[in-house]
Amino acid sequence: MYLPGKLIPENIYDMPFEDFLKLLAMAEIARDLRIEDIEVGVNKGYVEAHPDSQ
């Protein structure tokens, strides 16, 4: 879900364990970045919807 299909081999079970761990780490980083993007978007939307009246 978080990585482009080109990075994922057809058969994950045949890949070396180190490569699997690298793939897993990339997916976790991509997930964290996506969550951060959502948080920033929500915060920006809130600020635009509720501007400071000072």
C-alpha atoms as a PDB file:
ATOM      1  CA  MET A   1       0.000   0.000   0.000  1.00  0.00           C
ATOM      2  CA  TYR A   2       2.780   2.446   0.829  1.00  0.00           C
ATOM      3  CA  LEU A   3       5.339   1.433  -1.797  1.00  0.00           C
ATOM      4  CA  PRO A   4       5.183   1.457  -5.591  1.00  0.00           C
ATOM      5  CA  GLY A   5       4.510  -1.959  -7.065  1.00  0.00           C
ATOM      6  CA  LYS A   6       7.848  -1.884  -8.908  1.00  0.00           C
ATOM      7  CA  LEU A   7       9.687  -2.221  -5.591  1.00  0.00           C
ATOM      8  CA  ILE A   8       7.805  -5.315  -4.478  1.00  0.00           C
ATOM      9  CA  PRO A   9       8.971  -8.609  -5.999  1.00  0.00           C
ATOM     10  CA  GLU A  10       6.468 -11.104  -7.365  1.00  0.00           C
ATOM     11  CA  ASN A  11       7.318 -13.598  -4.643  1.00  0.00           C
ATOM     12  CA  ILE A  12       8.290 -12.030  -1.332  1.00  0.00           C
ATOM     13  CA  TYR A  13       8.966 -15.456   0.162  1.00  0.00           C
ATOM     14  CA  ASP A  14      11.934 -16.020  -2.171  1.00  0.00           C
ATOM     15  CA  MET A  15      13.729 -12.748  -1.428  1.00  0.00           C
ATOM     16  CA  PRO A  16      16.719 -12.584   0.939  1.00  0.00           C
ATOM     17  CA  PHE A  17      15.859 -11.642   4.507  1.00  0.00           C
ATOM     18  CA  GLU A  18      18.008  -8.479   4.422  1.00  0.00           C
ATOM     19  CA  ASP A  19      16.153  -7.261   1.326  1.00  0.00           C
ATOM     20  CA  PHE A  20      12.843  -7.986   3.035  1.00  0.00           C
ATOM     21  CA  LEU A  21      13.885  -5.922   6.051  1.00  0.00           C
ATOM     22  CA  LYS A  22      14.919  -3.031   3.778  1.00  0.00           C
ATOM     23  CA  LEU A  23      11.556  -3.228   2.023  1.00  0.00           C
ATOM     24  CA  LEU A  24       9.770  -3.248   5.365  1.00  0.00           C
ATOM     25  CA  ALA A  25      11.764  -0.219   6.570  1.00  0.00           C
ATOM     26  CA  MET A  26      10.932   1.715   3.392  1.00  0.00           C
ATOM     27  CA  ALA A  27       7.244   0.918   3.840  1.00  0.00           C
ATOM     28  CA  GLU A  28       7.308   2.084   7.465  1.00  0.00           C
ATOM     29  CA  ILE A  29       9.005   5.356   6.509  1.00  0.00           C
ATOM     30  CA  ALA A  30       6.525   5.920   3.676  1.00  0.00           C
ATOM     31  CA  ARG A  31       3.648   5.243   6.100  1.00  0.00           C
ATOM     32  CA  ASP A  32       5.017   7.715   8.642  1.00  0.00           C
ATOM     33  CA  LEU A  33       5.415  10.370   5.943  1.00  0.00           C
ATOM     34  CA  ARG A  34       1.849   9.818   4.738  1.00  0.00           C
ATOM     35  CA  ILE A  35       0.516  10.156   8.294  1.00  0.00           C
ATOM     36  CA  GLU A  36       2.551  13.344   8.756  1.00  0.00           C
ATOM     37  CA  ASP A  37       1.127  14.760   5.513  1.00  0.00           C
ATOM     38  CA  ILE A  38      -2.406  14.041   6.724  1.00  0.00           C
ATOM     39  CA  GLU A  39      -1.709  15.710  10.079  1.00  0.00           C
ATOM     40  CA  VAL A  40      -0.337  18.822   8.351  1.00  0.00           C
ATOM     41  CA  GLY A  41      -3.343  18.939   6.027  1.00  0.00           C
ATOM     42  CA  VAL A  42      -5.820  18.646   8.883  1.00  0.00           C
ATOM     43  CA  ASN A  43      -4.010  21.332  10.848  1.00  0.00           C
ATOM     44  CA  LYS A  44      -3.917  23.649   7.828  1.00  0.00           C
ATOM     45  CA  GLY A  45      -7.632  23.105   7.223  1.00  0.00           C
ATOM     46  CA  TYR A  46      -8.422  23.859  10.855  1.00  0.00           C
ATOM     47  CA  VAL A  47      -6.380  27.075  10.770  1.00  0.00           C
ATOM     48  CA  GLU A  48      -8.138  28.180   7.578  1.00  0.00           C
ATOM     49  CA  ALA A  49     -11.566  27.357   9.011  1.00  0.00           C
ATOM     50  CA  HIS A  50     -10.890  29.058  12.347  1.00  0.00           C
ATOM     51  CA  PRO A  51      -8.676  32.079  11.735  1.00  0.00           C
ATOM     52  CA  ASP A  52      -7.325  33.928  14.743  1.00  0.00           C
ATOM     53  CA  SER A  53      -9.454  37.045  15.294  1.00  0.00           C
ATOM     54  CA  GLN A  54      -6.695  39.097  16.964  1.00  0.00           C
END
